[in-house]
Amino acid sequence: MTGRVSVLEIYKLLPRTNCRKCGMTCMSFAAKLLRGEVSIEMCPVLFDPEYKGNLEKLREILPKKSDKPVEVVDPDKCSGCGNCVVACPANVAANTDLGKGLVSVSDKLIFLVVNGRVELLHPEYCRRLPPTKLQCRVCEESCYMGIIRVYEV
């Protein structure tokens, strides 16, 4: 996946027949696909030969399932801006000084810029994991270099 995918992008790749064989409209199905609440296999129409290209594209662009919530995919491209560090709600909750632009290391920080590059320290504190399982993507959205990936867990 390159960058964030929108519900509309997913919807455009669906059959858009609103047949409700999956139990919902195509737009609802697209939104639930993006959030990881349903799987592609729930849409039988998508497996018709005429939608083969769309099915392949969906498999490419949908967020991948992973046992980890987030990763830094190319730390060498990091500019060291620190957007991810100060934007991450879990980071700010762990260390309120981050919101003030002050840095002090906490053992609960998810991200920290070290020597000009972001480091993933403690992904286990990400709000995407149980018990909260929030659909937070703030770190990925705040990274203008596009090197942070958020996964469905």
N, C-alpha and C. Protein backbone atom coordinates (compact mmCIF):
# COMPACT_ATOMS: atom_id res chain seq x y z
N MET A 1 0.84 -1.18 0.00
CA MET A 1 0.00 0.00 0.00
C MET A 1 0.89 1.23 0.00
N THR A 2 0.57 2.15 -0.85
CA THR A 2 1.32 3.39 -0.87
C THR A 2 0.41 4.52 -0.46
N GLY A 3 0.59 5.02 0.73
CA GLY A 3 -0.25 6.09 1.23
C GLY A 3 -1.60 5.59 1.70
N ARG A 4 -2.40 6.50 2.12
CA ARG A 4 -3.71 6.16 2.67
C ARG A 4 -4.73 5.96 1.57
N VAL A 5 -5.56 4.95 1.74
CA VAL A 5 -6.60 4.62 0.77
C VAL A 5 -7.93 5.17 1.29
N SER A 6 -8.75 5.69 0.41
CA SER A 6 -10.04 6.22 0.83
C SER A 6 -11.16 5.22 0.57
N VAL A 7 -12.27 5.42 1.24
CA VAL A 7 -13.44 4.58 1.04
C VAL A 7 -13.90 4.66 -0.41
N LEU A 8 -13.84 5.86 -0.98
CA LEU A 8 -14.28 6.04 -2.36
C LEU A 8 -13.41 5.25 -3.35
N GLU A 9 -12.11 5.20 -3.11
CA GLU A 9 -11.22 4.41 -3.98
C GLU A 9 -11.61 2.94 -3.93
N ILE A 10 -11.93 2.45 -2.75
CA ILE A 10 -12.34 1.05 -2.61
C ILE A 10 -13.68 0.84 -3.27
N TYR A 11 -14.61 1.74 -3.03
CA TYR A 11 -15.95 1.65 -3.62
C TYR A 11 -15.89 1.55 -5.15
N LYS A 12 -15.03 2.34 -5.76
CA LYS A 12 -14.92 2.35 -7.22
C LYS A 12 -14.44 1.01 -7.77
N LEU A 13 -13.77 0.21 -6.94
CA LEU A 13 -13.29 -1.10 -7.38
C LEU A 13 -14.30 -2.22 -7.11
N LEU A 14 -15.34 -1.91 -6.37
CA LEU A 14 -16.39 -2.90 -6.09
C LEU A 14 -17.36 -2.96 -7.28
N PRO A 15 -18.18 -4.02 -7.37
CA PRO A 15 -19.14 -4.12 -8.48
C PRO A 15 -20.17 -2.99 -8.53
N ARG A 16 -20.46 -2.37 -7.41
CA ARG A 16 -21.41 -1.25 -7.30
C ARG A 16 -22.81 -1.63 -7.79
N THR A 17 -23.21 -2.86 -7.51
CA THR A 17 -24.55 -3.33 -7.90
C THR A 17 -25.54 -3.20 -6.74
N ASN A 18 -25.02 -3.03 -5.54
CA ASN A 18 -25.87 -2.99 -4.33
C ASN A 18 -26.78 -4.20 -4.24
N CYS A 19 -26.25 -5.35 -4.62
CA CYS A 19 -27.03 -6.60 -4.62
C CYS A 19 -27.32 -7.09 -3.20
N ARG A 20 -26.55 -6.63 -2.25
CA ARG A 20 -26.70 -6.99 -0.84
C ARG A 20 -26.44 -8.48 -0.55
N LYS A 21 -25.71 -9.14 -1.43
CA LYS A 21 -25.34 -10.54 -1.17
C LYS A 21 -24.40 -10.63 0.04
N CYS A 22 -23.75 -9.53 0.33
CA CYS A 22 -22.86 -9.46 1.50
C CYS A 22 -23.63 -8.97 2.73
N GLY A 23 -24.87 -8.54 2.52
CA GLY A 23 -25.69 -8.05 3.61
C GLY A 23 -25.71 -6.54 3.75
N MET A 24 -25.09 -5.83 2.79
CA MET A 24 -25.05 -4.36 2.88
C MET A 24 -24.89 -3.76 1.49
N THR A 25 -24.96 -2.44 1.41
CA THR A 25 -24.72 -1.76 0.15
C THR A 25 -23.22 -1.78 -0.16
N CYS A 26 -22.88 -1.50 -1.38
CA CYS A 26 -21.46 -1.50 -1.76
C CYS A 26 -20.67 -0.41 -1.02
N MET A 27 -21.29 0.75 -0.78
CA MET A 27 -20.60 1.81 -0.06
C MET A 27 -20.33 1.40 1.39
N SER A 28 -21.32 0.78 2.02
CA SER A 28 -21.12 0.30 3.40
C SER A 28 -20.04 -0.78 3.44
N PHE A 29 -20.07 -1.65 2.44
CA PHE A 29 -19.07 -2.72 2.35
C PHE A 29 -17.67 -2.12 2.19
N ALA A 30 -17.55 -1.08 1.36
CA ALA A 30 -16.25 -0.43 1.15
C ALA A 30 -15.72 0.15 2.46
N ALA A 31 -16.59 0.81 3.22
CA ALA A 31 -16.17 1.41 4.50
C ALA A 31 -15.72 0.33 5.48
N LYS A 32 -16.46 -0.75 5.54
CA LYS A 32 -16.10 -1.84 6.46
C LYS A 32 -14.84 -2.56 6.00
N LEU A 33 -14.63 -2.67 4.70
CA LEU A 33 -13.38 -3.26 4.18
C LEU A 33 -12.18 -2.43 4.64
N LEU A 34 -12.30 -1.13 4.50
CA LEU A 34 -11.21 -0.24 4.88
C LEU A 34 -10.88 -0.35 6.36
N ARG A 35 -11.91 -0.50 7.18
CA ARG A 35 -11.71 -0.61 8.63
C ARG A 35 -11.31 -2.02 9.07
N GLY A 36 -11.30 -2.98 8.12
CA GLY A 36 -10.93 -4.34 8.46
C GLY A 36 -12.03 -5.12 9.16
N GLU A 37 -13.26 -4.64 9.05
CA GLU A 37 -14.38 -5.31 9.73
C GLU A 37 -14.98 -6.45 8.92
N VAL A 38 -14.73 -6.45 7.61
CA VAL A 38 -15.19 -7.53 6.73
C VAL A 38 -14.05 -7.91 5.81
N SER A 39 -14.18 -9.06 5.15
CA SER A 39 -13.15 -9.48 4.20
C SER A 39 -13.70 -9.43 2.77
N ILE A 40 -12.81 -9.39 1.82
CA ILE A 40 -13.17 -9.34 0.40
C ILE A 40 -14.07 -10.52 0.03
N GLU A 41 -13.81 -11.65 0.67
CA GLU A 41 -14.54 -12.87 0.34
C GLU A 41 -16.04 -12.77 0.60
N MET A 42 -16.47 -11.79 1.35
CA MET A 42 -17.90 -11.63 1.63
C MET A 42 -18.68 -11.11 0.42
N CYS A 43 -17.98 -10.64 -0.60
CA CYS A 43 -18.64 -10.14 -1.81
C CYS A 43 -18.48 -11.18 -2.92
N PRO A 44 -19.48 -12.06 -3.12
CA PRO A 44 -19.35 -13.10 -4.14
C PRO A 44 -19.28 -12.54 -5.57
N VAL A 45 -19.91 -11.40 -5.80
CA VAL A 45 -19.91 -10.80 -7.14
C VAL A 45 -18.50 -10.39 -7.56
N LEU A 46 -17.69 -10.00 -6.62
CA LEU A 46 -16.32 -9.57 -6.88
C LEU A 46 -15.47 -10.69 -7.48
N PHE A 47 -15.89 -11.92 -7.30
CA PHE A 47 -15.14 -13.07 -7.80
C PHE A 47 -15.58 -13.51 -9.19
N ASP A 48 -16.52 -12.78 -9.79
CA ASP A 48 -16.87 -13.02 -11.18
C ASP A 48 -15.68 -12.63 -12.05
N PRO A 49 -15.45 -13.35 -13.15
CA PRO A 49 -14.27 -13.06 -14.00
C PRO A 49 -14.17 -11.61 -14.46
N GLU A 50 -15.28 -10.94 -14.65
CA GLU A 50 -15.21 -9.55 -15.14
C GLU A 50 -14.60 -8.59 -14.12
N TYR A 51 -14.54 -8.99 -12.85
CA TYR A 51 -13.99 -8.13 -11.81
C TYR A 51 -12.60 -8.58 -11.34
N LYS A 52 -11.97 -9.46 -12.11
CA LYS A 52 -10.67 -10.00 -11.71
C LYS A 52 -9.63 -8.90 -11.45
N GLY A 53 -9.54 -7.94 -12.35
CA GLY A 53 -8.58 -6.84 -12.19
C GLY A 53 -8.88 -6.00 -10.96
N ASN A 54 -10.16 -5.76 -10.71
CA ASN A 54 -10.56 -4.99 -9.54
C ASN A 54 -10.20 -5.74 -8.25
N LEU A 55 -10.43 -7.04 -8.26
CA LEU A 55 -10.12 -7.86 -7.09
C LEU A 55 -8.63 -7.81 -6.78
N GLU A 56 -7.81 -7.93 -7.81
CA GLU A 56 -6.35 -7.87 -7.62
C GLU A 56 -5.93 -6.50 -7.08
N LYS A 57 -6.51 -5.44 -7.63
CA LYS A 57 -6.19 -4.09 -7.17
C LYS A 57 -6.61 -3.89 -5.71
N LEU A 58 -7.79 -4.40 -5.35
CA LEU A 58 -8.24 -4.31 -3.95
C LEU A 58 -7.27 -5.02 -3.02
N ARG A 59 -6.82 -6.18 -3.40
CA ARG A 59 -5.88 -6.93 -2.56
C ARG A 59 -4.57 -6.16 -2.40
N GLU A 60 -4.22 -5.38 -3.41
CA GLU A 60 -3.00 -4.57 -3.37
C GLU A 60 -3.13 -3.37 -2.42
N ILE A 61 -4.26 -2.68 -2.51
CA ILE A 61 -4.38 -1.39 -1.81
C ILE A 61 -4.98 -1.47 -0.41
N LEU A 62 -5.69 -2.54 -0.10
CA LEU A 62 -6.30 -2.62 1.23
C LEU A 62 -5.24 -2.77 2.30
N PRO A 63 -5.48 -2.18 3.47
CA PRO A 63 -4.52 -2.34 4.57
C PRO A 63 -4.30 -3.82 4.88
N LYS A 64 -3.06 -4.18 5.06
CA LYS A 64 -2.71 -5.58 5.32
C LYS A 64 -2.92 -5.91 6.79
N LYS A 65 -3.31 -7.16 7.03
CA LYS A 65 -3.42 -7.64 8.41
C LYS A 65 -2.02 -7.93 8.91
N SER A 66 -1.79 -7.64 10.16
CA SER A 66 -0.48 -7.84 10.75
C SER A 66 -0.62 -8.05 12.24
N ASP A 67 0.40 -8.62 12.84
CA ASP A 67 0.39 -8.75 14.29
C ASP A 67 0.96 -7.49 14.95
N LYS A 68 1.45 -6.59 14.12
CA LYS A 68 1.97 -5.32 14.65
C LYS A 68 1.10 -4.19 14.11
N PRO A 69 0.88 -3.16 14.89
CA PRO A 69 0.01 -2.08 14.45
C PRO A 69 0.66 -1.09 13.50
N VAL A 70 1.99 -0.93 13.61
CA VAL A 70 2.66 0.14 12.87
C VAL A 70 4.12 -0.24 12.64
N GLU A 71 4.70 0.29 11.56
CA GLU A 71 6.13 0.11 11.34
C GLU A 71 6.69 1.30 10.57
N VAL A 72 7.98 1.47 10.69
CA VAL A 72 8.70 2.47 9.91
C VAL A 72 9.32 1.70 8.75
N VAL A 73 8.81 1.92 7.54
CA VAL A 73 9.22 1.09 6.41
C VAL A 73 10.54 1.50 5.77
N ASP A 74 10.91 2.75 5.88
CA ASP A 74 12.18 3.17 5.29
C ASP A 74 12.80 4.29 6.11
N PRO A 75 13.42 3.94 7.25
CA PRO A 75 13.95 4.98 8.13
C PRO A 75 15.01 5.87 7.47
N ASP A 76 15.67 5.39 6.42
CA ASP A 76 16.68 6.20 5.74
C ASP A 76 16.08 7.41 5.03
N LYS A 77 14.79 7.35 4.73
CA LYS A 77 14.12 8.47 4.07
C LYS A 77 13.55 9.48 5.07
N CYS A 78 13.67 9.19 6.35
CA CYS A 78 13.12 10.06 7.39
C CYS A 78 13.84 11.41 7.38
N SER A 79 13.06 12.47 7.45
CA SER A 79 13.64 13.82 7.49
C SER A 79 13.93 14.27 8.92
N GLY A 80 13.43 13.51 9.90
CA GLY A 80 13.64 13.89 11.29
C GLY A 80 12.73 15.00 11.77
N CYS A 81 11.63 15.23 11.06
CA CYS A 81 10.74 16.34 11.41
C CYS A 81 10.05 16.15 12.76
N GLY A 82 9.80 14.91 13.14
CA GLY A 82 9.17 14.63 14.42
C GLY A 82 7.66 14.75 14.43
N ASN A 83 7.05 14.93 13.26
CA ASN A 83 5.59 15.02 13.20
C ASN A 83 4.92 13.81 13.84
N CYS A 84 5.42 12.64 13.56
CA CYS A 84 4.82 11.41 14.10
C CYS A 84 4.94 11.37 15.61
N VAL A 85 6.03 11.86 16.13
CA VAL A 85 6.28 11.84 17.58
C VAL A 85 5.27 12.71 18.32
N VAL A 86 5.07 13.93 17.83
CA VAL A 86 4.17 14.85 18.52
C VAL A 86 2.70 14.66 18.14
N ALA A 87 2.43 14.01 17.02
CA ALA A 87 1.04 13.79 16.60
C ALA A 87 0.42 12.55 17.24
N CYS A 88 1.24 11.59 17.60
CA CYS A 88 0.74 10.32 18.15
C CYS A 88 0.07 10.55 19.50
N PRO A 89 -1.24 10.29 19.60
CA PRO A 89 -1.93 10.50 20.87
C PRO A 89 -1.37 9.64 22.01
N ALA A 90 -0.93 8.44 21.71
CA ALA A 90 -0.36 7.57 22.75
C ALA A 90 0.97 8.15 23.25
N ASN A 91 1.77 8.71 22.34
CA ASN A 91 3.02 9.36 22.74
C ASN A 91 2.74 10.54 23.67
N VAL A 92 1.81 11.39 23.28
CA VAL A 92 1.50 12.58 24.07
C VAL A 92 0.93 12.19 25.43
N ALA A 93 0.12 11.13 25.47
CA ALA A 93 -0.42 10.66 26.75
C ALA A 93 0.70 10.14 27.64
N ALA A 94 1.70 9.51 27.04
CA ALA A 94 2.82 8.96 27.82
C ALA A 94 3.76 10.06 28.30
N ASN A 95 3.83 11.18 27.54
CA ASN A 95 4.75 12.24 27.89
C ASN A 95 4.16 13.57 27.43
N THR A 96 3.49 14.26 28.30
CA THR A 96 2.82 15.51 27.94
C THR A 96 3.78 16.61 27.49
N ASP A 97 5.06 16.49 27.80
CA ASP A 97 6.05 17.47 27.36
C ASP A 97 6.22 17.46 25.83
N LEU A 98 5.88 16.36 25.17
CA LEU A 98 6.02 16.29 23.71
C LEU A 98 5.15 17.34 23.03
N GLY A 99 3.95 17.56 23.54
CA GLY A 99 3.05 18.55 22.96
C GLY A 99 3.58 19.97 23.10
N LYS A 100 4.51 20.17 24.00
CA LYS A 100 5.11 21.49 24.20
C LYS A 100 6.41 21.64 23.42
N GLY A 101 6.78 20.58 22.68
CA GLY A 101 8.02 20.63 21.92
C GLY A 101 9.23 20.23 22.73
N LEU A 102 9.00 19.75 23.94
CA LEU A 102 10.11 19.31 24.80
C LEU A 102 10.26 17.80 24.68
N VAL A 103 11.48 17.33 24.74
CA VAL A 103 11.72 15.90 24.61
C VAL A 103 12.34 15.36 25.88
N SER A 104 11.68 14.37 26.40
CA SER A 104 12.27 13.58 27.47
C SER A 104 11.80 12.15 27.23
N VAL A 105 12.68 11.24 27.36
CA VAL A 105 12.39 9.86 27.00
C VAL A 105 11.50 9.20 28.05
N SER A 106 10.48 8.54 27.59
CA SER A 106 9.59 7.76 28.43
C SER A 106 9.68 6.32 27.95
N ASP A 107 9.46 5.38 28.83
CA ASP A 107 9.51 3.98 28.42
C ASP A 107 8.22 3.54 27.73
N LYS A 108 7.31 4.49 27.49
CA LYS A 108 6.06 4.16 26.81
C LYS A 108 5.89 4.89 25.48
N LEU A 109 6.93 5.53 24.98
CA LEU A 109 6.84 6.22 23.70
C LEU A 109 6.84 5.21 22.56
N ILE A 110 5.99 5.45 21.59
CA ILE A 110 5.95 4.59 20.41
C ILE A 110 7.03 5.03 19.43
N PHE A 111 7.11 6.33 19.18
CA PHE A 111 8.10 6.90 18.26
C PHE A 111 9.00 7.89 18.97
N LEU A 112 10.20 8.03 18.47
CA LEU A 112 11.10 9.07 18.93
C LEU A 112 12.12 9.32 17.82
N VAL A 113 12.47 10.58 17.59
CA VAL A 113 13.51 10.89 16.62
C VAL A 113 14.85 10.81 17.34
N VAL A 114 15.71 9.94 16.82
CA VAL A 114 17.04 9.73 17.40
C VAL A 114 18.06 9.91 16.28
N ASN A 115 19.02 10.79 16.48
CA ASN A 115 20.04 11.07 15.47
C ASN A 115 19.44 11.40 14.11
N GLY A 116 18.38 12.20 14.11
CA GLY A 116 17.79 12.67 12.86
C GLY A 116 16.88 11.70 12.15
N ARG A 117 16.56 10.57 12.77
CA ARG A 117 15.66 9.58 12.14
C ARG A 117 14.68 9.05 13.17
N VAL A 118 13.47 8.76 12.69
CA VAL A 118 12.47 8.22 13.59
C VAL A 118 12.81 6.77 13.93
N GLU A 119 12.60 6.43 15.19
CA GLU A 119 12.76 5.05 15.63
C GLU A 119 11.47 4.59 16.25
N LEU A 120 11.08 3.37 15.95
CA LEU A 120 9.91 2.76 16.53
C LEU A 120 10.37 2.07 17.81
N LEU A 121 9.97 2.62 18.95
CA LEU A 121 10.45 2.11 20.23
C LEU A 121 9.53 1.05 20.83
N HIS A 122 8.27 1.42 21.02
CA HIS A 122 7.34 0.53 21.70
C HIS A 122 5.99 0.47 20.98
N PRO A 123 5.90 -0.27 19.87
CA PRO A 123 4.63 -0.35 19.14
C PRO A 123 3.53 -1.01 19.97
N GLU A 124 3.90 -1.72 21.02
CA GLU A 124 2.91 -2.39 21.86
C GLU A 124 1.99 -1.41 22.60
N TYR A 125 2.33 -0.12 22.60
CA TYR A 125 1.48 0.88 23.24
C TYR A 125 0.55 1.58 22.25
N CYS A 126 0.57 1.15 21.00
CA CYS A 126 -0.29 1.75 19.96
C CYS A 126 -1.76 1.54 20.31
N ARG A 127 -2.55 2.58 20.08
CA ARG A 127 -3.99 2.51 20.39
C ARG A 127 -4.76 1.60 19.45
N ARG A 128 -4.14 1.11 18.41
CA ARG A 128 -4.82 0.19 17.49
C ARG A 128 -4.93 -1.21 18.09
N LEU A 129 -4.13 -1.50 19.09
CA LEU A 129 -4.13 -2.82 19.71
C LEU A 129 -5.22 -2.91 20.78
N PRO A 130 -5.65 -4.13 21.10
CA PRO A 130 -6.59 -4.29 22.22
C PRO A 130 -5.95 -3.75 23.49
N PRO A 131 -6.69 -3.26 24.42
CA PRO A 131 -8.14 -3.33 24.50
C PRO A 131 -8.86 -2.21 23.75
N THR A 132 -8.17 -1.13 23.36
CA THR A 132 -8.86 0.00 22.73
C THR A 132 -9.24 -0.27 21.28
N LYS A 133 -8.33 -0.83 20.49
CA LYS A 133 -8.56 -1.13 19.07
C LYS A 133 -9.16 0.05 18.30
N LEU A 134 -8.63 1.24 18.54
CA LEU A 134 -9.10 2.43 17.83
C LEU A 134 -8.56 2.45 16.41
N GLN A 135 -9.24 3.11 15.53
CA GLN A 135 -8.83 3.19 14.13
C GLN A 135 -7.92 4.40 13.91
N CYS A 136 -6.99 4.60 14.79
CA CYS A 136 -6.08 5.73 14.74
C CYS A 136 -5.05 5.52 13.62
N ARG A 137 -4.81 6.56 12.84
CA ARG A 137 -3.81 6.54 11.77
C ARG A 137 -3.03 7.85 11.77
N VAL A 138 -3.03 8.54 12.88
CA VAL A 138 -2.44 9.88 12.96
C VAL A 138 -0.97 9.88 12.56
N CYS A 139 -0.21 8.89 13.02
CA CYS A 139 1.22 8.86 12.70
C CYS A 139 1.44 8.75 11.19
N GLU A 140 0.69 7.87 10.56
CA GLU A 140 0.82 7.66 9.11
C GLU A 140 0.41 8.92 8.35
N GLU A 141 -0.67 9.56 8.79
CA GLU A 141 -1.17 10.76 8.12
C GLU A 141 -0.25 11.96 8.32
N SER A 142 0.46 12.00 9.44
CA SER A 142 1.32 13.15 9.71
C SER A 142 2.70 13.01 9.08
N CYS A 143 3.03 11.83 8.57
CA CYS A 143 4.34 11.60 7.97
C CYS A 143 4.34 11.99 6.49
N TYR A 144 4.87 13.17 6.20
CA TYR A 144 4.86 13.63 4.81
C TYR A 144 5.89 12.91 3.95
N MET A 145 6.78 12.15 4.56
CA MET A 145 7.74 11.34 3.80
C MET A 145 7.13 9.99 3.40
N GLY A 146 6.02 9.64 4.01
CA GLY A 146 5.32 8.40 3.67
C GLY A 146 6.04 7.14 4.11
N ILE A 147 6.78 7.20 5.20
CA ILE A 147 7.56 6.03 5.61
C ILE A 147 6.93 5.26 6.78
N ILE A 148 5.81 5.76 7.30
CA ILE A 148 5.15 5.04 8.40
C ILE A 148 3.92 4.34 7.82
N ARG A 149 3.79 3.07 8.14
CA ARG A 149 2.65 2.27 7.69
C ARG A 149 1.87 1.78 8.89
N VAL A 150 0.56 1.92 8.82
CA VAL A 150 -0.34 1.42 9.84
C VAL A 150 -1.04 0.21 9.27
N TYR A 151 -1.14 -0.84 10.07
CA TYR A 151 -1.75 -2.09 9.62
C TYR A 151 -2.99 -2.41 10.42
N GLU A 152 -3.83 -3.23 9.83
CA GLU A 152 -4.99 -3.76 10.55
C GLU A 152 -4.51 -4.91 11.42
N VAL A 153 -4.90 -4.89 12.67
CA VAL A 153 -4.50 -5.97 13.59
C VAL A 153 -5.69 -6.78 14.01
